[in-house]
């Protein structure tokens, strides 16, 4: 029996990248998955910052992969920056499957991530906050009453080391800090309800944008030329495996309301990546990444050793 048989998961930002991997990973563990993002089909292309490079991936492609592996899912086109759309998304999940057990807040805008804050348009901050933080709150706000009535549930807010360290841009780091603080605040309010909350830091994953950056394409950020995504990054699907373990572990332990790295989760629950590669410690990954010429990754690596 799979870990999540009979469970229903809602994953935002599931058309590509980490969100796509989470959706596939949860479906492999038996969950019925509702996928949400703006890009429903491959013809509905998305560009970085509106007019930059095209980033591949769509909800239909994620759904096709889930179906090919024998899983079950439902795709909903949703603009996560719109409050009414987020509320309707949770309603559609309940209409389709009658329950919601797992909420994975993963949405991120397709914007350029680098640059000093005063040199970036103010709209970059608005974009990051509306999708990368506000939508997290709104989705949980809509889903939690049903979870409480069901007797429990699990919310996983996808975050990153940017919550504590200087990664990419000020706007990005602020939203990651907001996501982690939100996790703590939710946990405090949800004591005794059976609903648990976590922040999960995936770190470097073989997403479409990471591969674009390594190939020299415009991805909104840079990677070192010697960075090898096959050996210095994990698969997107293993993030879904981590979420599955968190969702299946109903013990309201000290981990509830905290931020865990992907490596932490692999150590706690004893899993590897699907290609049998070990989940990479964050220190080794941080040493490999270049962000705005900052020394932050090296400082981060020292602190995580």
C-alpha atoms as a PDB file:
ATOM      1  CA  UNK A   1       0.000   0.000   0.000  1.00  0.00           C
ATOM      2  CA  UNK A   2       1.342   3.413  -0.984  1.00  0.00           C
ATOM      3  CA  UNK A   3       1.857   6.063   1.693  1.00  0.00           C
ATOM      4  CA  UNK A   4      -0.923   8.335   0.462  1.00  0.00           C
ATOM      5  CA  UNK A   5      -3.624   5.980  -0.794  1.00  0.00           C
ATOM      6  CA  UNK A   6      -7.007   7.685  -0.493  1.00  0.00           C
ATOM      7  CA  UNK A   7      -5.502  11.130   0.078  1.00  0.00           C
ATOM      8  CA  UNK A   8      -6.088  14.226  -2.050  1.00  0.00           C
ATOM      9  CA  UNK A   9      -3.298  16.743  -2.619  1.00  0.00           C
ATOM     10  CA  UNK A  10      -3.426  20.229  -4.112  1.00  0.00           C
ATOM     11  CA  UNK A  11      -0.127  21.445  -5.580  1.00  0.00           C
ATOM     12  CA  UNK A  12       0.288  24.993  -6.858  1.00  0.00           C
ATOM     13  CA  UNK A  13       2.892  25.899  -9.458  1.00  0.00           C
ATOM     14  CA  UNK A  14       2.687  22.358 -10.827  1.00  0.00           C
ATOM     15  CA  UNK A  15       3.255  23.043 -14.522  1.00  0.00           C
ATOM     16  CA  UNK A  16       7.041  22.814 -14.276  1.00  0.00           C
ATOM     17  CA  UNK A  17      10.022  22.707 -11.962  1.00  0.00           C
ATOM     18  CA  UNK A  18       9.751  21.707  -8.329  1.00  0.00           C
ATOM     19  CA  UNK A  19       5.943  21.857  -8.394  1.00  0.00           C
ATOM     20  CA  UNK A  20       5.745  19.434 -11.297  1.00  0.00           C
ATOM     21  CA  UNK A  21       8.104  17.085  -9.466  1.00  0.00           C
ATOM     22  CA  UNK A  22       6.076  17.300  -6.267  1.00  0.00           C
ATOM     23  CA  UNK A  23       2.848  16.471  -8.103  1.00  0.00           C
ATOM     24  CA  UNK A  24       4.423  13.451  -9.804  1.00  0.00           C
ATOM     25  CA  UNK A  25       6.042  12.287  -6.559  1.00  0.00           C
ATOM     26  CA  UNK A  26       2.781  12.516  -4.608  1.00  0.00           C
ATOM     27  CA  UNK A  27       0.897  10.636  -7.321  1.00  0.00           C
ATOM     28  CA  UNK A  28       3.514   7.871  -7.180  1.00  0.00           C
ATOM     29  CA  UNK A  29       2.674   7.505  -3.495  1.00  0.00           C
ATOM     30  CA  UNK A  30      -1.035   7.052  -4.237  1.00  0.00           C
ATOM     31  CA  UNK A  31      -2.448  10.555  -3.822  1.00  0.00           C
ATOM     32  CA  UNK A  32      -4.993  11.980  -6.209  1.00  0.00           C
ATOM     33  CA  UNK A  33      -3.451  15.285  -7.196  1.00  0.00           C
ATOM     34  CA  UNK A  34      -4.980  18.586  -8.250  1.00  0.00           C
ATOM     35  CA  UNK A  35      -2.447  20.574 -10.264  1.00  0.00           C
ATOM     36  CA  UNK A  36      -2.649  24.356 -10.454  1.00  0.00           C
ATOM     37  CA  UNK A  37      -0.733  26.945 -12.472  1.00  0.00           C
ATOM     38  CA  UNK A  38      -1.360  29.482 -15.223  1.00  0.00           C
ATOM     39  CA  UNK A  39       0.147  27.378 -18.009  1.00  0.00           C
ATOM     40  CA  UNK A  40      -2.445  24.726 -18.822  1.00  0.00           C
ATOM     41  CA  UNK A  41      -1.180  23.556 -22.220  1.00  0.00           C
ATOM     42  CA  UNK A  42       2.135  23.587 -24.074  1.00  0.00           C
ATOM     43  CA  UNK A  43       0.736  26.178 -26.485  1.00  0.00           C
ATOM     44  CA  UNK A  44       0.214  28.583 -23.579  1.00  0.00           C
ATOM     45  CA  UNK A  45       3.862  29.545 -23.310  1.00  0.00           C
ATOM     46  CA  UNK A  46       5.333  31.518 -20.422  1.00  0.00           C
ATOM     47  CA  UNK A  47       8.328  33.814 -20.650  1.00  0.00           C
ATOM     48  CA  UNK A  48      10.638  34.946 -17.895  1.00  0.00           C
ATOM     49  CA  UNK A  49       9.644  38.462 -16.847  1.00  0.00           C
ATOM     50  CA  UNK A  50       6.986  38.588 -19.564  1.00  0.00           C
ATOM     51  CA  UNK A  51       9.256  39.005 -22.594  1.00  0.00           C
ATOM     52  CA  UNK A  52      12.298  36.862 -21.780  1.00  0.00           C
ATOM     53  CA  UNK A  53      13.153  33.266 -22.594  1.00  0.00           C
ATOM     54  CA  UNK A  54      10.391  30.677 -22.900  1.00  0.00           C
ATOM     55  CA  UNK A  55      10.262  28.159 -20.052  1.00  0.00           C
ATOM     56  CA  UNK A  56       8.910  24.741 -21.002  1.00  0.00           C
ATOM     57  CA  UNK A  57       6.246  22.866 -19.056  1.00  0.00           C
ATOM     58  CA  UNK A  58       2.472  22.819 -18.645  1.00  0.00           C
ATOM     59  CA  UNK A  59      -0.220  21.313 -16.445  1.00  0.00           C
ATOM     60  CA  UNK A  60      -1.310  18.985 -19.232  1.00  0.00           C
ATOM     61  CA  UNK A  61       2.229  17.632 -19.590  1.00  0.00           C
ATOM     62  CA  UNK A  62       2.443  17.023 -15.839  1.00  0.00           C
ATOM     63  CA  UNK A  63      -0.961  15.329 -15.895  1.00  0.00           C
ATOM     64  CA  UNK A  64       0.110  13.155 -18.842  1.00  0.00           C
ATOM     65  CA  UNK A  65       3.181  11.998 -16.909  1.00  0.00           C
ATOM     66  CA  UNK A  66       1.074  11.163 -13.855  1.00  0.00           C
ATOM     67  CA  UNK A  67      -1.398   9.210 -15.993  1.00  0.00           C
ATOM     68  CA  UNK A  68       1.423   7.367 -17.785  1.00  0.00           C
ATOM     69  CA  UNK A  69       2.621   6.126 -14.389  1.00  0.00           C
ATOM     70  CA  UNK A  70      -0.878   4.982 -13.412  1.00  0.00           C
ATOM     71  CA  UNK A  71      -1.723   7.943 -11.196  1.00  0.00           C
ATOM     72  CA  UNK A  72      -4.787  10.159 -10.970  1.00  0.00           C
ATOM     73  CA  UNK A  73      -4.962  13.920 -11.256  1.00  0.00           C
ATOM     74  CA  UNK A  74      -6.952  16.959 -12.274  1.00  0.00           C
ATOM     75  CA  UNK A  75      -5.575  20.180 -13.787  1.00  0.00           C
ATOM     76  CA  UNK A  76      -6.896  23.657 -13.000  1.00  0.00           C
ATOM     77  CA  UNK A  77      -5.629  26.791 -14.736  1.00  0.00           C
ATOM     78  CA  UNK A  78      -5.221  29.377 -11.994  1.00  0.00           C
ATOM     79  CA  UNK A  79      -3.643  32.808 -11.652  1.00  0.00           C
ATOM     80  CA  UNK A  80      -2.302  32.627  -8.107  1.00  0.00           C
ATOM     81  CA  UNK A  81      -2.000  36.401  -7.906  1.00  0.00           C
ATOM     82  CA  UNK A  82      -5.812  36.649  -7.914  1.00  0.00           C
ATOM     83  CA  UNK A  83      -7.453  36.062  -4.521  1.00  0.00           C
ATOM     84  CA  UNK A  84     -10.744  34.874  -6.011  1.00  0.00           C
ATOM     85  CA  UNK A  85      -8.922  32.405  -8.257  1.00  0.00           C
ATOM     86  CA  UNK A  86      -7.114  30.842  -5.292  1.00  0.00           C
ATOM     87  CA  UNK A  87     -10.378  30.462  -3.380  1.00  0.00           C
ATOM     88  CA  UNK A  88     -12.049  28.939  -6.448  1.00  0.00           C
ATOM     89  CA  UNK A  89      -9.114  26.548  -6.825  1.00  0.00           C
ATOM     90  CA  UNK A  90      -9.736  25.046  -3.395  1.00  0.00           C
ATOM     91  CA  UNK A  91     -13.444  24.874  -4.209  1.00  0.00           C
ATOM     92  CA  UNK A  92     -12.703  23.020  -7.446  1.00  0.00           C
ATOM     93  CA  UNK A  93     -10.539  20.547  -5.532  1.00  0.00           C
ATOM     94  CA  UNK A  94     -13.428  19.806  -3.171  1.00  0.00           C
ATOM     95  CA  UNK A  95     -15.916  19.567  -6.047  1.00  0.00           C
ATOM     96  CA  UNK A  96     -13.673  17.126  -7.891  1.00  0.00           C
ATOM     97  CA  UNK A  97     -12.580  14.851  -5.034  1.00  0.00           C
ATOM     98  CA  UNK A  98     -14.700  15.787  -2.007  1.00  0.00           C
ATOM     99  CA  UNK A  99     -11.769  16.378   0.351  1.00  0.00           C
ATOM    100  CA  UNK A 100      -8.333  17.926   0.664  1.00  0.00           C
ATOM    101  CA  UNK A 101      -5.647  16.302   2.787  1.00  0.00           C
ATOM    102  CA  UNK A 102      -2.444  17.918   1.563  1.00  0.00           C
ATOM    103  CA  UNK A 103      -1.821  21.481   0.409  1.00  0.00           C
ATOM    104  CA  UNK A 104       1.533  22.238  -1.193  1.00  0.00           C
ATOM    105  CA  UNK A 105       2.108  25.956  -1.679  1.00  0.00           C
ATOM    106  CA  UNK A 106       4.770  26.177  -4.352  1.00  0.00           C
ATOM    107  CA  UNK A 107       3.744  28.974  -6.723  1.00  0.00           C
ATOM    108  CA  UNK A 108       6.448  31.372  -7.891  1.00  0.00           C
ATOM    109  CA  UNK A 109       6.309  34.087 -10.566  1.00  0.00           C
ATOM    110  CA  UNK A 110       8.317  33.626 -13.755  1.00  0.00           C
ATOM    111  CA  UNK A 111      10.426  36.708 -13.110  1.00  0.00           C
ATOM    112  CA  UNK A 112      14.093  37.635 -13.149  1.00  0.00           C
ATOM    113  CA  UNK A 113      15.434  36.750  -9.717  1.00  0.00           C
ATOM    114  CA  UNK A 114      18.682  38.707  -9.601  1.00  0.00           C
ATOM    115  CA  UNK A 115      19.539  42.365  -9.112  1.00  0.00           C
ATOM    116  CA  UNK A 116      19.982  44.948  -6.377  1.00  0.00           C
ATOM    117  CA  UNK A 117      16.655  46.006  -4.916  1.00  0.00           C
ATOM    118  CA  UNK A 118      16.787  49.690  -5.912  1.00  0.00           C
ATOM    119  CA  UNK A 119      17.643  48.764  -9.497  1.00  0.00           C
ATOM    120  CA  UNK A 120      14.649  46.450  -9.909  1.00  0.00           C
ATOM    121  CA  UNK A 121      11.137  47.655 -10.751  1.00  0.00           C
ATOM    122  CA  UNK A 122       8.858  47.844  -7.723  1.00  0.00           C
ATOM    123  CA  UNK A 123       6.515  45.469  -9.529  1.00  0.00           C
ATOM    124  CA  UNK A 124       9.113  42.716  -9.076  1.00  0.00           C
ATOM    125  CA  UNK A 125       8.491  42.876  -5.338  1.00  0.00           C
ATOM    126  CA  UNK A 126       4.728  42.856  -5.859  1.00  0.00           C
ATOM    127  CA  UNK A 127       4.981  39.823  -8.152  1.00  0.00           C
ATOM    128  CA  UNK A 128       7.100  37.881  -5.682  1.00  0.00           C
ATOM    129  CA  UNK A 129       4.868  38.697  -2.719  1.00  0.00           C
ATOM    130  CA  UNK A 130       1.502  38.119  -4.405  1.00  0.00           C
ATOM    131  CA  UNK A 131       2.394  34.678  -5.739  1.00  0.00           C
ATOM    132  CA  UNK A 132       5.223  33.560  -3.453  1.00  0.00           C
ATOM    133  CA  UNK A 133       3.631  34.565  -0.131  1.00  0.00           C
ATOM    134  CA  UNK A 134       0.081  35.921  -0.394  1.00  0.00           C
ATOM    135  CA  UNK A 135      -1.194  32.955  -2.409  1.00  0.00           C
ATOM    136  CA  UNK A 136       0.234  30.643   0.277  1.00  0.00           C
ATOM    137  CA  UNK A 137      -1.873  32.378   2.915  1.00  0.00           C
ATOM    138  CA  UNK A 138      -5.002  32.465   0.758  1.00  0.00           C
ATOM    139  CA  UNK A 139      -4.824  28.790  -0.212  1.00  0.00           C
ATOM    140  CA  UNK A 140      -4.385  27.742   3.415  1.00  0.00           C
ATOM    141  CA  UNK A 141      -7.166  30.104   4.492  1.00  0.00           C
ATOM    142  CA  UNK A 142      -9.545  28.370   2.071  1.00  0.00           C
ATOM    143  CA  UNK A 143      -8.386  24.788   2.700  1.00  0.00           C
ATOM    144  CA  UNK A 144      -7.934  24.609   6.467  1.00  0.00           C
ATOM    145  CA  UNK A 145     -11.626  24.627   7.510  1.00  0.00           C
ATOM    146  CA  UNK A 146     -12.164  21.450   5.461  1.00  0.00           C
ATOM    147  CA  UNK A 147      -8.997  19.870   6.855  1.00  0.00           C
ATOM    148  CA  UNK A 148     -10.177  20.564  10.405  1.00  0.00           C
ATOM    149  CA  UNK A 149     -13.594  19.032   9.696  1.00  0.00           C
ATOM    150  CA  UNK A 150     -11.840  15.957   8.294  1.00  0.00           C
ATOM    151  CA  UNK A 151      -9.800  15.622  11.471  1.00  0.00           C
ATOM    152  CA  UNK A 152      -6.419  16.602  10.069  1.00  0.00           C
ATOM    153  CA  UNK A 153      -4.268  17.530   7.126  1.00  0.00           C
ATOM    154  CA  UNK A 154      -0.852  18.774   6.082  1.00  0.00           C
ATOM    155  CA  UNK A 155       0.314  22.087   4.627  1.00  0.00           C
ATOM    156  CA  UNK A 156       3.787  22.279   3.093  1.00  0.00           C
ATOM    157  CA  UNK A 157       5.090  25.713   2.133  1.00  0.00           C
ATOM    158  CA  UNK A 158       7.939  25.433  -0.346  1.00  0.00           C
ATOM    159  CA  UNK A 159      10.663  27.852   0.689  1.00  0.00           C
ATOM    160  CA  UNK A 160      14.453  28.006   0.411  1.00  0.00           C
ATOM    161  CA  UNK A 161      17.659  29.081   2.176  1.00  0.00           C
ATOM    162  CA  UNK A 162      16.799  32.541   0.857  1.00  0.00           C
ATOM    163  CA  UNK A 163      14.614  32.852   3.954  1.00  0.00           C
ATOM    164  CA  UNK A 164      17.780  33.294   6.030  1.00  0.00           C
ATOM    165  CA  UNK A 165      20.545  34.151   3.574  1.00  0.00           C
ATOM    166  CA  UNK A 166      21.180  36.540   0.697  1.00  0.00           C
ATOM    167  CA  UNK A 167      20.004  34.514  -2.287  1.00  0.00           C
ATOM    168  CA  UNK A 168      19.141  35.915  -5.728  1.00  0.00           C
ATOM    169  CA  UNK A 169      17.432  39.200  -4.743  1.00  0.00           C
ATOM    170  CA  UNK A 170      15.949  41.056  -1.805  1.00  0.00           C
ATOM    171  CA  UNK A 171      12.420  40.527  -3.138  1.00  0.00           C
ATOM    172  CA  UNK A 172      12.972  36.773  -3.403  1.00  0.00           C
ATOM    173  CA  UNK A 173      14.544  36.475   0.054  1.00  0.00           C
ATOM    174  CA  UNK A 174      11.764  38.490   1.687  1.00  0.00           C
ATOM    175  CA  UNK A 175       9.085  36.171   0.292  1.00  0.00           C
ATOM    176  CA  UNK A 176      10.973  33.085   1.475  1.00  0.00           C
ATOM    177  CA  UNK A 177      11.239  34.556   4.974  1.00  0.00           C
ATOM    178  CA  UNK A 178       7.515  35.317   4.849  1.00  0.00           C
ATOM    179  CA  UNK A 179       6.742  31.716   3.876  1.00  0.00           C
ATOM    180  CA  UNK A 180       8.750  30.330   6.793  1.00  0.00           C
ATOM    181  CA  UNK A 181       7.232  32.734   9.307  1.00  0.00           C
ATOM    182  CA  UNK A 182       3.799  31.850   7.935  1.00  0.00           C
ATOM    183  CA  UNK A 183       4.514  28.188   8.640  1.00  0.00           C
ATOM    184  CA  UNK A 184       5.283  29.000  12.275  1.00  0.00           C
ATOM    185  CA  UNK A 185       2.205  31.188  12.683  1.00  0.00           C
ATOM    186  CA  UNK A 186      -0.088  28.604  11.087  1.00  0.00           C
ATOM    187  CA  UNK A 187       1.234  25.886  13.395  1.00  0.00           C
ATOM    188  CA  UNK A 188       0.552  28.023  16.462  1.00  0.00           C
ATOM    189  CA  UNK A 189      -3.044  28.651  15.385  1.00  0.00           C
ATOM    190  CA  UNK A 190      -3.625  25.008  14.426  1.00  0.00           C
ATOM    191  CA  UNK A 191      -2.544  23.364  17.683  1.00  0.00           C
ATOM    192  CA  UNK A 192      -4.934  20.545  18.525  1.00  0.00           C
ATOM    193  CA  UNK A 193      -6.668  20.476  15.130  1.00  0.00           C
ATOM    194  CA  UNK A 194      -4.636  17.672  13.577  1.00  0.00           C
ATOM    195  CA  UNK A 195      -3.466  19.991  10.783  1.00  0.00           C
ATOM    196  CA  UNK A 196       0.324  20.206  10.539  1.00  0.00           C
ATOM    197  CA  UNK A 197       2.451  22.759   8.707  1.00  0.00           C
ATOM    198  CA  UNK A 198       6.017  22.647   7.420  1.00  0.00           C
ATOM    199  CA  UNK A 199       8.360  24.695   5.295  1.00  0.00           C
ATOM    200  CA  UNK A 200      10.531  22.651   2.953  1.00  0.00           C
ATOM    201  CA  UNK A 201      13.765  23.901   1.403  1.00  0.00           C
ATOM    202  CA  UNK A 202      14.486  21.865  -1.748  1.00  0.00           C
ATOM    203  CA  UNK A 203      17.757  23.689  -2.595  1.00  0.00           C
ATOM    204  CA  UNK A 204      19.180  22.927  -6.053  1.00  0.00           C
ATOM    205  CA  UNK A 205      16.976  20.767  -8.210  1.00  0.00           C
ATOM    206  CA  UNK A 206      17.220  19.833 -11.892  1.00  0.00           C
ATOM    207  CA  UNK A 207      14.448  22.176 -12.959  1.00  0.00           C
ATOM    208  CA  UNK A 208      13.977  23.543 -16.448  1.00  0.00           C
ATOM    209  CA  UNK A 209      15.375  26.923 -15.409  1.00  0.00           C
ATOM    210  CA  UNK A 210      18.481  25.452 -13.770  1.00  0.00           C
ATOM    211  CA  UNK A 211      19.200  23.461 -16.932  1.00  0.00           C
ATOM    212  CA  UNK A 212      18.626  26.605 -19.017  1.00  0.00           C
ATOM    213  CA  UNK A 213      21.076  28.545 -16.847  1.00  0.00           C
ATOM    214  CA  UNK A 214      23.734  25.826 -17.076  1.00  0.00           C
ATOM    215  CA  UNK A 215      23.288  25.763 -20.861  1.00  0.00           C
ATOM    216  CA  UNK A 216      23.936  29.493 -21.021  1.00  0.00           C
ATOM    217  CA  UNK A 217      20.336  30.436 -21.814  1.00  0.00           C
ATOM    218  CA  UNK A 218      18.666  33.379 -20.117  1.00  0.00           C
ATOM    219  CA  UNK A 219      16.984  31.884 -17.046  1.00  0.00           C
ATOM    220  CA  UNK A 220      16.740  34.947 -14.810  1.00  0.00           C
ATOM    221  CA  UNK A 221      19.774  33.843 -12.780  1.00  0.00           C
ATOM    222  CA  UNK A 222      23.252  32.414 -13.367  1.00  0.00           C
ATOM    223  CA  UNK A 223      24.922  29.133 -12.547  1.00  0.00           C
ATOM    224  CA  UNK A 224      28.684  28.475 -12.610  1.00  0.00           C
ATOM    225  CA  UNK A 225      29.865  27.030 -15.941  1.00  0.00           C
ATOM    226  CA  UNK A 226      31.188  23.897 -14.215  1.00  0.00           C
ATOM    227  CA  UNK A 227      27.929  23.193 -12.356  1.00  0.00           C
ATOM    228  CA  UNK A 228      26.694  19.708 -13.254  1.00  0.00           C
ATOM    229  CA  UNK A 229      22.950  19.344 -12.625  1.00  0.00           C
ATOM    230  CA  UNK A 230      23.201  15.554 -12.829  1.00  0.00           C
ATOM    231  CA  UNK A 231      25.636  15.283  -9.904  1.00  0.00           C
ATOM    232  CA  UNK A 232      25.157  18.578  -8.031  1.00  0.00           C
ATOM    233  CA  UNK A 233      21.364  18.682  -8.017  1.00  0.00           C
ATOM    234  CA  UNK A 234      18.530  16.295  -7.234  1.00  0.00           C
ATOM    235  CA  UNK A 235      15.446  15.407  -9.258  1.00  0.00           C
ATOM    236  CA  UNK A 236      12.243  17.446  -8.873  1.00  0.00           C
ATOM    237  CA  UNK A 237      10.337  14.254  -8.054  1.00  0.00           C
ATOM    238  CA  UNK A 238      12.320  13.568  -4.875  1.00  0.00           C
ATOM    239  CA  UNK A 239      10.851  16.757  -3.401  1.00  0.00           C
ATOM    240  CA  UNK A 240       7.459  15.093  -3.830  1.00  0.00           C
ATOM    241  CA  UNK A 241       8.752  12.068  -1.951  1.00  0.00           C
ATOM    242  CA  UNK A 242       9.795  14.331   0.928  1.00  0.00           C
ATOM    243  CA  UNK A 243       6.349  15.949   0.971  1.00  0.00           C
ATOM    244  CA  UNK A 244       4.726  12.498   0.948  1.00  0.00           C
ATOM    245  CA  UNK A 245       6.688  11.462   4.034  1.00  0.00           C
ATOM    246  CA  UNK A 246       5.769  14.667   5.854  1.00  0.00           C
ATOM    247  CA  UNK A 247       2.101  14.220   4.958  1.00  0.00           C
ATOM    248  CA  UNK A 248       2.058  10.564   6.018  1.00  0.00           C
ATOM    249  CA  UNK A 249       3.745  11.287   9.368  1.00  0.00           C
ATOM    250  CA  UNK A 250       0.763  12.336  11.498  1.00  0.00           C
ATOM    251  CA  UNK A 251       2.804  12.676  14.682  1.00  0.00           C
ATOM    252  CA  UNK A 252       2.587  16.330  15.755  1.00  0.00           C
ATOM    253  CA  UNK A 253       6.242  16.372  16.726  1.00  0.00           C
ATOM    254  CA  UNK A 254       8.657  19.208  17.274  1.00  0.00           C
ATOM    255  CA  UNK A 255       9.057  19.382  13.484  1.00  0.00           C
ATOM    256  CA  UNK A 256       5.554  20.793  13.136  1.00  0.00           C
ATOM    257  CA  UNK A 257       5.805  24.497  12.321  1.00  0.00           C
ATOM    258  CA  UNK A 258       9.471  24.334  11.361  1.00  0.00           C
ATOM    259  CA  UNK A 259      11.553  24.574   8.198  1.00  0.00           C
ATOM    260  CA  UNK A 260      13.323  21.429   6.996  1.00  0.00           C
ATOM    261  CA  UNK A 261      15.812  21.042   4.197  1.00  0.00           C
ATOM    262  CA  UNK A 262      15.297  18.282   1.657  1.00  0.00           C
ATOM    263  CA  UNK A 263      18.413  16.684   3.130  1.00  0.00           C
ATOM    264  CA  UNK A 264      16.890  16.852   6.633  1.00  0.00           C
ATOM    265  CA  UNK A 265      13.809  15.013   5.388  1.00  0.00           C
ATOM    266  CA  UNK A 266      15.897  12.334   3.672  1.00  0.00           C
ATOM    267  CA  UNK A 267      17.838  11.737   6.889  1.00  0.00           C
ATOM    268  CA  UNK A 268      14.712  11.615   9.068  1.00  0.00           C
ATOM    269  CA  UNK A 269      12.729   9.303   6.796  1.00  0.00           C
ATOM    270  CA  UNK A 270      15.574   7.370   5.174  1.00  0.00           C
ATOM    271  CA  UNK A 271      14.908   7.887   1.465  1.00  0.00           C
ATOM    272  CA  UNK A 272      17.104   8.529  -1.563  1.00  0.00           C
ATOM    273  CA  UNK A 273      16.424  10.102  -4.926  1.00  0.00           C
ATOM    274  CA  UNK A 274      14.628   7.975  -7.503  1.00  0.00           C
ATOM    275  CA  UNK A 275      17.881   7.327  -9.388  1.00  0.00           C
ATOM    276  CA  UNK A 276      19.339   5.998  -6.098  1.00  0.00           C
ATOM    277  CA  UNK A 277      21.461   9.126  -5.742  1.00  0.00           C
ATOM    278  CA  UNK A 278      21.735  10.377  -2.187  1.00  0.00           C
ATOM    279  CA  UNK A 279      19.957  13.619  -1.408  1.00  0.00           C
ATOM    280  CA  UNK A 280      22.657  16.268  -1.447  1.00  0.00           C
ATOM    281  CA  UNK A 281      23.583  18.085   1.769  1.00  0.00           C
ATOM    282  CA  UNK A 282      22.854  21.785   1.451  1.00  0.00           C
ATOM    283  CA  UNK A 283      26.460  22.718   2.185  1.00  0.00           C
ATOM    284  CA  UNK A 284      27.757  21.007  -0.958  1.00  0.00           C
ATOM    285  CA  UNK A 285      25.047  22.599  -3.068  1.00  0.00           C
ATOM    286  CA  UNK A 286      25.581  26.060  -1.630  1.00  0.00           C
ATOM    287  CA  UNK A 287      29.278  25.879  -2.511  1.00  0.00           C
ATOM    288  CA  UNK A 288      28.376  25.296  -6.148  1.00  0.00           C
ATOM    289  CA  UNK A 289      26.013  28.197  -6.739  1.00  0.00           C
ATOM    290  CA  UNK A 290      26.733  31.770  -7.732  1.00  0.00           C
ATOM    291  CA  UNK A 291      24.271  34.473  -6.688  1.00  0.00           C
ATOM    292  CA  UNK A 292      24.924  38.070  -7.698  1.00  0.00           C
ATOM    293  CA  UNK A 293      28.627  37.690  -6.933  1.00  0.00           C
ATOM    294  CA  UNK A 294      27.708  37.429  -3.253  1.00  0.00           C
ATOM    295  CA  UNK A 295      29.694  35.511  -0.650  1.00  0.00           C
ATOM    296  CA  UNK A 296      26.428  34.376   0.952  1.00  0.00           C
ATOM    297  CA  UNK A 297      26.566  30.816  -0.433  1.00  0.00           C
ATOM    298  CA  UNK A 298      29.977  30.243   1.157  1.00  0.00           C
ATOM    299  CA  UNK A 299      28.801  31.663   4.473  1.00  0.00           C
ATOM    300  CA  UNK A 300      25.728  29.470   4.243  1.00  0.00           C
ATOM    301  CA  UNK A 301      27.865  26.420   3.506  1.00  0.00           C
ATOM    302  CA  UNK A 302      29.979  27.037   6.615  1.00  0.00           C
ATOM    303  CA  UNK A 303      26.931  27.433   8.820  1.00  0.00           C
ATOM    304  CA  UNK A 304      25.296  24.245   7.540  1.00  0.00           C
ATOM    305  CA  UNK A 305      28.372  22.013   8.021  1.00  0.00           C
END
